Amino acid sequence: LHSQVSRATASLVLRNAGNLSEGTRDRVRASMDSLGSVSPRDTASLRSPRTQSVGLIVSDFSNGFTAALAIGIETVLAKTGVVTLTANTMENPARQDLLVRSMLERQVDGLLVIPAIGSDSTLLEALVSSRIPAVIASREMPHPKLSYVGIDNAKGGRLAGEHVMFHGANRVAYLGGFAELGPRPDRVRGVLEAMRSVRGDASLVLDIPGQPDGTWGLETARHLIKDGSLPDASICHNDLVAFGVYRALREL
């Protein structure tokens, strides 16, 4: 209406097709500039089969693992000519819902999501109802119609547990990681399985969840040193926590 042309004519301009005068094309483009992007939900006829774009919604870019994962995904997709549209939820489920809707409005060909802390069935329902390929990554949220890709956290915990016991550790701690997220309990379960297998019993002298970053690791290790409860071995949730623990031990 704004450019006084039909929807079909607007579609031809967007696709750079059809036998239209330059005046008509200029008028439609001017309207586009004036009104901003057009919502595909309101103009189904303007949809193209594919946009050669994939939405990547991550939980926290300050986490080195998440950043490396995002770079890897974008590197692989770029080789196929696909553009990655990346957004950060900052661990906020409400922002995550908004980003999912925004990606769908931009007609991405697929979505890959690392769920924010506190995500619930709202996210899963939105991905399933989108009817486009969607993958949950890193933090598992099981759904029969969605794919998941992530680390074998239980095996990682088991290998870590076997390693520290091989080196003679008896008092073992697990430090860091969000208790409400699947990776942590899976890794702890793996550590306990290793302890049970190697020495017949399974118990951690300390099991302390917390922020998976270096500052938390540093302060927690300082506290353990101060009150004399430093274990024989600390299995840290990730490299950042481990580096924080290292710093405290270097200080000592």
C-alpha atoms as a PDB file:
ATOM      1  CA  LEU A   1       0.000   0.000   0.000  1.00  0.00           C
ATOM      2  CA  HIS A   2       2.784   2.391   0.914  1.00  0.00           C
ATOM      3  CA  SER A   3       4.308   2.238  -2.577  1.00  0.00           C
ATOM      4  CA  GLN A   4       0.890   1.927  -4.300  1.00  0.00           C
ATOM      5  CA  VAL A   5       1.774  -1.363  -6.004  1.00  0.00           C
ATOM      6  CA  SER A   6       0.433  -4.879  -5.645  1.00  0.00           C
ATOM      7  CA  ARG A   7       2.063  -7.492  -3.460  1.00  0.00           C
ATOM      8  CA  ALA A   8       3.025  -9.413  -6.593  1.00  0.00           C
ATOM      9  CA  THR A   9       4.836  -6.349  -7.945  1.00  0.00           C
ATOM     10  CA  ALA A  10       6.657  -5.870  -4.638  1.00  0.00           C
ATOM     11  CA  SER A  11       7.714  -9.518  -4.781  1.00  0.00           C
ATOM     12  CA  LEU A  12       9.136  -9.000  -8.300  1.00  0.00           C
ATOM     13  CA  VAL A  13      11.174  -6.040  -7.072  1.00  0.00           C
ATOM     14  CA  LEU A  14      12.541  -8.018  -4.121  1.00  0.00           C
ATOM     15  CA  ARG A  15      13.551 -10.865  -6.446  1.00  0.00           C
ATOM     16  CA  ASN A  16      14.849  -8.465  -9.111  1.00  0.00           C
ATOM     17  CA  ALA A  17      12.568 -10.140 -11.646  1.00  0.00           C
ATOM     18  CA  GLY A  18       9.808  -9.223 -14.054  1.00  0.00           C
ATOM     19  CA  ASN A  19       9.361  -6.492 -16.662  1.00  0.00           C
ATOM     20  CA  LEU A  20       8.923  -3.425 -14.426  1.00  0.00           C
ATOM     21  CA  SER A  21       9.877   0.192 -14.993  1.00  0.00           C
ATOM     22  CA  GLU A  22      12.746   1.642 -13.015  1.00  0.00           C
ATOM     23  CA  GLY A  23      10.314   4.183 -11.580  1.00  0.00           C
ATOM     24  CA  THR A  24       8.204   1.385 -10.083  1.00  0.00           C
ATOM     25  CA  ARG A  25      11.265  -0.386  -8.724  1.00  0.00           C
ATOM     26  CA  ASP A  26      12.604   2.829  -7.201  1.00  0.00           C
ATOM     27  CA  ARG A  27       9.236   3.532  -5.565  1.00  0.00           C
ATOM     28  CA  VAL A  28       9.099   0.060  -3.979  1.00  0.00           C
ATOM     29  CA  ARG A  29      12.706   0.305  -2.765  1.00  0.00           C
ATOM     30  CA  ALA A  30      12.005   3.720  -1.272  1.00  0.00           C
ATOM     31  CA  SER A  31       9.052   2.253   0.621  1.00  0.00           C
ATOM     32  CA  MET A  32      11.220  -0.596   1.866  1.00  0.00           C
ATOM     33  CA  ASP A  33      13.792   1.880   3.153  1.00  0.00           C
ATOM     34  CA  SER A  34      11.089   3.957   4.795  1.00  0.00           C
ATOM     35  CA  LEU A  35       9.219   1.080   6.430  1.00  0.00           C
ATOM     36  CA  GLY A  36      12.138  -1.183   7.270  1.00  0.00           C
ATOM     37  CA  SER A  37      12.184  -4.953   6.796  1.00  0.00           C
ATOM     38  CA  VAL A  38       8.932  -6.704   5.950  1.00  0.00           C
ATOM     39  CA  SER A  39       7.698  -9.453   8.265  1.00  0.00           C
ATOM     40  CA  PRO A  40       7.517 -12.716   6.280  1.00  0.00           C
ATOM     41  CA  ARG A  41       4.633 -13.867   8.455  1.00  0.00           C
ATOM     42  CA  ASP A  42       2.502 -11.120   6.961  1.00  0.00           C
ATOM     43  CA  THR A  43       3.692 -11.590   3.380  1.00  0.00           C
ATOM     44  CA  ALA A  44       3.827 -15.297   2.740  1.00  0.00           C
ATOM     45  CA  SER A  45       3.973 -14.735  -1.003  1.00  0.00           C
ATOM     46  CA  LEU A  46       7.387 -13.099  -0.639  1.00  0.00           C
ATOM     47  CA  ARG A  47       8.953 -16.228   0.807  1.00  0.00           C
ATOM     48  CA  SER A  48      11.766 -17.907  -1.070  1.00  0.00           C
ATOM     49  CA  PRO A  49      12.502 -21.632  -0.677  1.00  0.00           C
ATOM     50  CA  ARG A  50      15.832 -21.026   1.089  1.00  0.00           C
ATOM     51  CA  THR A  51      17.719 -18.075   2.515  1.00  0.00           C
ATOM     52  CA  GLN A  52      21.130 -19.762   2.813  1.00  0.00           C
ATOM     53  CA  SER A  53      21.257 -18.732   6.463  1.00  0.00           C
ATOM     54  CA  VAL A  54      21.288 -20.608   9.773  1.00  0.00           C
ATOM     55  CA  GLY A  55      20.455 -19.142  13.166  1.00  0.00           C
ATOM     56  CA  LEU A  56      22.902 -19.869  15.983  1.00  0.00           C
ATOM     57  CA  ILE A  57      21.668 -18.925  19.463  1.00  0.00           C
ATOM     58  CA  VAL A  58      24.248 -19.360  22.207  1.00  0.00           C
ATOM     59  CA  SER A  59      24.006 -19.032  25.969  1.00  0.00           C
ATOM     60  CA  ASP A  60      27.089 -17.019  26.917  1.00  0.00           C
ATOM     61  CA  PHE A  61      29.858 -15.784  24.616  1.00  0.00           C
ATOM     62  CA  SER A  62      32.153 -15.063  27.567  1.00  0.00           C
ATOM     63  CA  ASN A  63      32.553 -18.826  27.967  1.00  0.00           C
ATOM     64  CA  GLY A  64      35.556 -19.940  25.922  1.00  0.00           C
ATOM     65  CA  PHE A  65      33.973 -23.271  25.004  1.00  0.00           C
ATOM     66  CA  THR A  66      30.866 -21.562  23.646  1.00  0.00           C
ATOM     67  CA  ALA A  67      32.932 -19.107  21.618  1.00  0.00           C
ATOM     68  CA  ALA A  68      35.051 -21.902  20.141  1.00  0.00           C
ATOM     69  CA  LEU A  69      31.930 -23.899  19.290  1.00  0.00           C
ATOM     70  CA  ALA A  70      30.357 -20.900  17.535  1.00  0.00           C
ATOM     71  CA  ILE A  71      33.522 -20.268  15.509  1.00  0.00           C
ATOM     72  CA  GLY A  72      33.653 -23.914  14.477  1.00  0.00           C
ATOM     73  CA  ILE A  73      30.023 -23.927  13.353  1.00  0.00           C
ATOM     74  CA  GLU A  74      30.420 -20.717  11.378  1.00  0.00           C
ATOM     75  CA  THR A  75      33.639 -21.952   9.743  1.00  0.00           C
ATOM     76  CA  VAL A  76      31.999 -25.153   8.517  1.00  0.00           C
ATOM     77  CA  LEU A  77      28.820 -23.460   7.289  1.00  0.00           C
ATOM     78  CA  ALA A  78      30.792 -20.747   5.470  1.00  0.00           C
ATOM     79  CA  LYS A  79      32.389 -23.433   3.308  1.00  0.00           C
ATOM     80  CA  THR A  80      28.919 -24.330   2.025  1.00  0.00           C
ATOM     81  CA  GLY A  81      27.952 -20.726   1.305  1.00  0.00           C
ATOM     82  CA  VAL A  82      25.629 -20.520   4.310  1.00  0.00           C
ATOM     83  CA  VAL A  83      25.614 -17.373   6.460  1.00  0.00           C
ATOM     84  CA  THR A  84      25.458 -17.813  10.242  1.00  0.00           C
ATOM     85  CA  LEU A  85      23.245 -15.377  12.155  1.00  0.00           C
ATOM     86  CA  THR A  86      24.554 -15.489  15.725  1.00  0.00           C
ATOM     87  CA  ALA A  87      22.885 -14.164  18.886  1.00  0.00           C
ATOM     88  CA  ASN A  88      23.632 -14.386  22.614  1.00  0.00           C
ATOM     89  CA  THR A  89      20.892 -15.048  25.188  1.00  0.00           C
ATOM     90  CA  MET A  90      23.135 -14.103  28.130  1.00  0.00           C
ATOM     91  CA  GLU A  91      21.488 -17.032  29.982  1.00  0.00           C
ATOM     92  CA  ASN A  92      18.076 -15.331  29.819  1.00  0.00           C
ATOM     93  CA  PRO A  93      15.206 -17.635  28.708  1.00  0.00           C
ATOM     94  CA  ALA A  94      12.887 -14.689  27.905  1.00  0.00           C
ATOM     95  CA  ARG A  95      15.530 -13.167  25.634  1.00  0.00           C
ATOM     96  CA  GLN A  96      16.023 -16.610  24.120  1.00  0.00           C
ATOM     97  CA  ASP A  97      12.325 -16.822  23.184  1.00  0.00           C
ATOM     98  CA  LEU A  98      12.566 -13.403  21.536  1.00  0.00           C
ATOM     99  CA  LEU A  99      15.668 -14.428  19.573  1.00  0.00           C
ATOM    100  CA  VAL A 100      14.052 -17.631  18.331  1.00  0.00           C
ATOM    101  CA  ARG A 101      11.058 -15.653  17.033  1.00  0.00           C
ATOM    102  CA  SER A 102      13.373 -13.110  15.434  1.00  0.00           C
ATOM    103  CA  MET A 103      15.399 -15.816  13.663  1.00  0.00           C
ATOM    104  CA  LEU A 104      12.224 -17.441  12.347  1.00  0.00           C
ATOM    105  CA  GLU A 105      10.967 -14.098  11.042  1.00  0.00           C
ATOM    106  CA  ARG A 106      14.211 -13.855   9.096  1.00  0.00           C
ATOM    107  CA  GLN A 107      13.373 -17.215   7.513  1.00  0.00           C
ATOM    108  CA  VAL A 108      16.553 -19.005   8.522  1.00  0.00           C
ATOM    109  CA  ASP A 109      16.908 -22.453   6.974  1.00  0.00           C
ATOM    110  CA  GLY A 110      17.729 -24.014  10.336  1.00  0.00           C
ATOM    111  CA  LEU A 111      18.363 -23.264  14.011  1.00  0.00           C
ATOM    112  CA  LEU A 112      21.047 -24.424  16.407  1.00  0.00           C
ATOM    113  CA  VAL A 113      20.505 -23.517  20.063  1.00  0.00           C
ATOM    114  CA  ILE A 114      22.584 -23.853  23.216  1.00  0.00           C
ATOM    115  CA  PRO A 115      19.752 -23.524  25.778  1.00  0.00           C
ATOM    116  CA  ALA A 116      19.909 -20.791  28.400  1.00  0.00           C
ATOM    117  CA  ILE A 117      19.776 -21.721  32.068  1.00  0.00           C
ATOM    118  CA  GLY A 118      16.126 -22.123  33.046  1.00  0.00           C
ATOM    119  CA  SER A 119      14.932 -23.077  29.557  1.00  0.00           C
ATOM    120  CA  ASP A 120      11.722 -25.093  29.534  1.00  0.00           C
ATOM    121  CA  SER A 121       9.289 -26.687  27.103  1.00  0.00           C
ATOM    122  CA  THR A 122       8.551 -23.270  25.579  1.00  0.00           C
ATOM    123  CA  LEU A 123      11.843 -23.454  23.705  1.00  0.00           C
ATOM    124  CA  LEU A 124      11.249 -27.026  22.536  1.00  0.00           C
ATOM    125  CA  GLU A 125       7.713 -26.286  21.362  1.00  0.00           C
ATOM    126  CA  ALA A 126       8.889 -23.220  19.423  1.00  0.00           C
ATOM    127  CA  LEU A 127      11.596 -25.211  17.656  1.00  0.00           C
ATOM    128  CA  VAL A 128       9.292 -28.102  16.786  1.00  0.00           C
ATOM    129  CA  SER A 129       6.464 -25.858  15.568  1.00  0.00           C
ATOM    130  CA  SER A 130       8.877 -23.914  13.347  1.00  0.00           C
ATOM    131  CA  ARG A 131       8.992 -26.924  10.980  1.00  0.00           C
ATOM    132  CA  ILE A 132      12.610 -26.208  10.089  1.00  0.00           C
ATOM    133  CA  PRO A 133      15.626 -28.346  11.045  1.00  0.00           C
ATOM    134  CA  ALA A 134      16.615 -27.556  14.634  1.00  0.00           C
ATOM    135  CA  VAL A 135      19.418 -28.867  16.839  1.00  0.00           C
ATOM    136  CA  ILE A 136      19.946 -28.559  20.585  1.00  0.00           C
ATOM    137  CA  ALA A 137      23.666 -28.365  21.382  1.00  0.00           C
ATOM    138  CA  SER A 138      25.859 -28.837  24.453  1.00  0.00           C
ATOM    139  CA  ARG A 139      23.029 -28.820  27.032  1.00  0.00           C
ATOM    140  CA  GLU A 140      20.647 -31.679  26.415  1.00  0.00           C
ATOM    141  CA  MET A 141      16.878 -31.129  26.479  1.00  0.00           C
ATOM    142  CA  PRO A 142      15.377 -34.391  25.189  1.00  0.00           C
ATOM    143  CA  HIS A 143      12.538 -34.237  22.688  1.00  0.00           C
ATOM    144  CA  PRO A 144      11.550 -36.983  20.201  1.00  0.00           C
ATOM    145  CA  LYS A 145      11.398 -34.522  17.293  1.00  0.00           C
ATOM    146  CA  LEU A 146      14.639 -32.645  17.956  1.00  0.00           C
ATOM    147  CA  SER A 147      18.258 -33.612  17.413  1.00  0.00           C
ATOM    148  CA  TYR A 148      20.946 -33.159  20.045  1.00  0.00           C
ATOM    149  CA  VAL A 149      24.715 -32.972  19.745  1.00  0.00           C
ATOM    150  CA  GLY A 150      27.051 -32.692  22.690  1.00  0.00           C
ATOM    151  CA  ILE A 151      29.860 -34.127  24.755  1.00  0.00           C
ATOM    152  CA  ASP A 152      29.789 -37.572  26.393  1.00  0.00           C
ATOM    153  CA  ASN A 153      29.977 -35.969  29.829  1.00  0.00           C
ATOM    154  CA  ALA A 154      29.698 -39.206  31.797  1.00  0.00           C
ATOM    155  CA  LYS A 155      32.680 -40.694  29.957  1.00  0.00           C
ATOM    156  CA  GLY A 156      34.664 -37.499  30.507  1.00  0.00           C
ATOM    157  CA  GLY A 157      33.979 -37.674  34.236  1.00  0.00           C
ATOM    158  CA  ARG A 158      34.894 -41.348  34.321  1.00  0.00           C
ATOM    159  CA  LEU A 159      38.240 -40.716  32.587  1.00  0.00           C
ATOM    160  CA  ALA A 160      39.023 -37.844  34.949  1.00  0.00           C
ATOM    161  CA  GLY A 161      38.172 -39.974  37.980  1.00  0.00           C
ATOM    162  CA  GLU A 162      40.358 -42.843  36.780  1.00  0.00           C
ATOM    163  CA  HIS A 163      43.217 -40.416  36.137  1.00  0.00           C
ATOM    164  CA  VAL A 164      43.328 -38.871  39.613  1.00  0.00           C
ATOM    165  CA  MET A 165      42.997 -42.249  41.331  1.00  0.00           C
ATOM    166  CA  PHE A 166      45.812 -43.663  39.194  1.00  0.00           C
ATOM    167  CA  HIS A 167      47.942 -40.894  40.682  1.00  0.00           C
ATOM    168  CA  GLY A 168      47.017 -41.908  44.226  1.00  0.00           C
ATOM    169  CA  ALA A 169      44.252 -39.456  45.122  1.00  0.00           C
ATOM    170  CA  ASN A 170      41.915 -40.550  47.905  1.00  0.00           C
ATOM    171  CA  ARG A 171      40.120 -37.305  48.827  1.00  0.00           C
ATOM    172  CA  VAL A 172      38.632 -36.125  45.523  1.00  0.00           C
ATOM    173  CA  ALA A 173      36.573 -32.971  44.942  1.00  0.00           C
ATOM    174  CA  TYR A 174      34.460 -31.837  42.018  1.00  0.00           C
ATOM    175  CA  LEU A 175      34.468 -28.057  41.635  1.00  0.00           C
ATOM    176  CA  GLY A 176      32.303 -25.698  39.591  1.00  0.00           C
ATOM    177  CA  GLY A 177      29.519 -25.967  37.042  1.00  0.00           C
ATOM    178  CA  PHE A 178      25.835 -25.170  37.270  1.00  0.00           C
ATOM    179  CA  ALA A 179      23.988 -27.828  39.270  1.00  0.00           C
ATOM    180  CA  GLU A 180      20.795 -27.342  37.252  1.00  0.00           C
ATOM    181  CA  LEU A 181      22.424 -28.164  33.899  1.00  0.00           C
ATOM    182  CA  GLY A 182      22.834 -31.716  32.579  1.00  0.00           C
ATOM    183  CA  PRO A 183      26.602 -31.696  31.920  1.00  0.00           C
ATOM    184  CA  ARG A 184      27.537 -31.336  35.591  1.00  0.00           C
ATOM    185  CA  PRO A 185      25.538 -34.229  37.090  1.00  0.00           C
ATOM    186  CA  ASP A 186      26.610 -36.431  34.169  1.00  0.00           C
ATOM    187  CA  ARG A 187      30.294 -35.658  34.776  1.00  0.00           C
ATOM    188  CA  VAL A 188      29.951 -36.214  38.531  1.00  0.00           C
ATOM    189  CA  ARG A 189      28.201 -39.520  37.842  1.00  0.00           C
ATOM    190  CA  GLY A 190      31.140 -40.548  35.651  1.00  0.00           C
ATOM    191  CA  VAL A 191      33.638 -39.673  38.397  1.00  0.00           C
ATOM    192  CA  LEU A 192      31.674 -41.734  40.932  1.00  0.00           C
ATOM    193  CA  GLU A 193      31.452 -44.677  38.516  1.00  0.00           C
ATOM    194  CA  ALA A 194      35.233 -44.616  38.167  1.00  0.00           C
ATOM    195  CA  MET A 195      35.723 -44.503  41.928  1.00  0.00           C
ATOM    196  CA  ARG A 196      33.334 -47.397  42.420  1.00  0.00           C
ATOM    197  CA  SER A 197      35.077 -49.420  39.720  1.00  0.00           C
ATOM    198  CA  VAL A 198      38.625 -48.776  40.930  1.00  0.00           C
ATOM    199  CA  ARG A 199      38.273 -48.900  44.714  1.00  0.00           C
ATOM    200  CA  GLY A 200      34.798 -50.262  45.382  1.00  0.00           C
ATOM    201  CA  ASP A 201      33.251 -47.155  46.928  1.00  0.00           C
ATOM    202  CA  ALA A 202      32.020 -43.883  45.463  1.00  0.00           C
ATOM    203  CA  SER A 203      32.102 -40.686  47.466  1.00  0.00           C
ATOM    204  CA  LEU A 204      33.456 -37.191  46.877  1.00  0.00           C
ATOM    205  CA  VAL A 205      35.012 -35.397  49.812  1.00  0.00           C
ATOM    206  CA  LEU A 206      33.691 -32.149  48.308  1.00  0.00           C
ATOM    207  CA  ASP A 207      31.065 -31.502  45.641  1.00  0.00           C
ATOM    208  CA  ILE A 208      30.754 -27.750  45.106  1.00  0.00           C
ATOM    209  CA  PRO A 209      28.684 -26.362  42.204  1.00  0.00           C
ATOM    210  CA  GLY A 210      29.286 -22.806  41.055  1.00  0.00           C
ATOM    211  CA  GLN A 211      29.949 -20.330  38.279  1.00  0.00           C
ATOM    212  CA  PRO A 212      32.080 -22.040  35.606  1.00  0.00           C
ATOM    213  CA  ASP A 213      34.743 -19.342  35.424  1.00  0.00           C
ATOM    214  CA  GLY A 214      38.224 -18.544  36.675  1.00  0.00           C
ATOM    215  CA  THR A 215      37.192 -16.041  39.329  1.00  0.00           C
ATOM    216  CA  TRP A 216      34.953 -18.596  41.000  1.00  0.00           C
ATOM    217  CA  GLY A 217      37.703 -21.232  40.827  1.00  0.00           C
ATOM    218  CA  LEU A 218      40.249 -18.845  42.366  1.00  0.00           C
ATOM    219  CA  GLU A 219      38.020 -17.754  45.252  1.00  0.00           C
ATOM    220  CA  THR A 220      36.810 -21.287  45.977  1.00  0.00           C
ATOM    221  CA  ALA A 221      40.346 -22.687  46.080  1.00  0.00           C
ATOM    222  CA  ARG A 222      41.483 -19.822  48.331  1.00  0.00           C
ATOM    223  CA  HIS A 223      38.642 -20.687  50.718  1.00  0.00           C
ATOM    224  CA  LEU A 224      39.566 -24.399  50.731  1.00  0.00           C
ATOM    225  CA  ILE A 225      43.199 -23.528  51.456  1.00  0.00           C
ATOM    226  CA  LYS A 226      42.253 -21.131  54.254  1.00  0.00           C
ATOM    227  CA  ASP A 227      40.017 -23.577  56.129  1.00  0.00           C
ATOM    228  CA  GLY A 228      42.349 -26.541  55.563  1.00  0.00           C
ATOM    229  CA  SER A 229      39.926 -28.586  53.447  1.00  0.00           C
ATOM    230  CA  LEU A 230      42.003 -28.764  50.263  1.00  0.00           C
ATOM    231  CA  PRO A 231      41.515 -32.277  48.776  1.00  0.00           C
ATOM    232  CA  ASP A 232      44.127 -34.580  47.273  1.00  0.00           C
ATOM    233  CA  ALA A 233      42.736 -33.850  43.824  1.00  0.00           C
ATOM    234  CA  SER A 234      40.230 -31.428  42.363  1.00  0.00           C
ATOM    235  CA  ILE A 235      38.339 -32.312  39.204  1.00  0.00           C
ATOM    236  CA  CYS A 236      37.269 -28.978  37.757  1.00  0.00           C
ATOM    237  CA  HIS A 237      34.180 -28.512  35.611  1.00  0.00           C
ATOM    238  CA  ASN A 238      36.109 -26.746  32.851  1.00  0.00           C
ATOM    239  CA  ASP A 239      39.458 -25.158  32.011  1.00  0.00           C
ATOM    240  CA  LEU A 240      38.433 -21.760  33.392  1.00  0.00           C
ATOM    241  CA  VAL A 241      37.693 -23.155  36.854  1.00  0.00           C
ATOM    242  CA  ALA A 242      40.933 -25.149  36.726  1.00  0.00           C
ATOM    243  CA  PHE A 243      43.007 -22.066  35.864  1.00  0.00           C
ATOM    244  CA  GLY A 244      41.469 -20.273  38.852  1.00  0.00           C
ATOM    245  CA  VAL A 245      42.421 -23.180  41.135  1.00  0.00           C
ATOM    246  CA  TYR A 246      45.946 -23.136  39.674  1.00  0.00           C
ATOM    247  CA  ARG A 247      46.296 -19.468  40.585  1.00  0.00           C
ATOM    248  CA  ALA A 248      45.333 -20.119  44.194  1.00  0.00           C
ATOM    249  CA  LEU A 249      47.825 -22.993  44.431  1.00  0.00           C
ATOM    250  CA  ARG A 250      50.589 -20.838  42.930  1.00  0.00           C
ATOM    251  CA  GLU A 251      49.861 -18.196  45.565  1.00  0.00           C
ATOM    252  CA  LEU A 252      50.236 -20.839  48.275  1.00  0.00           C
END
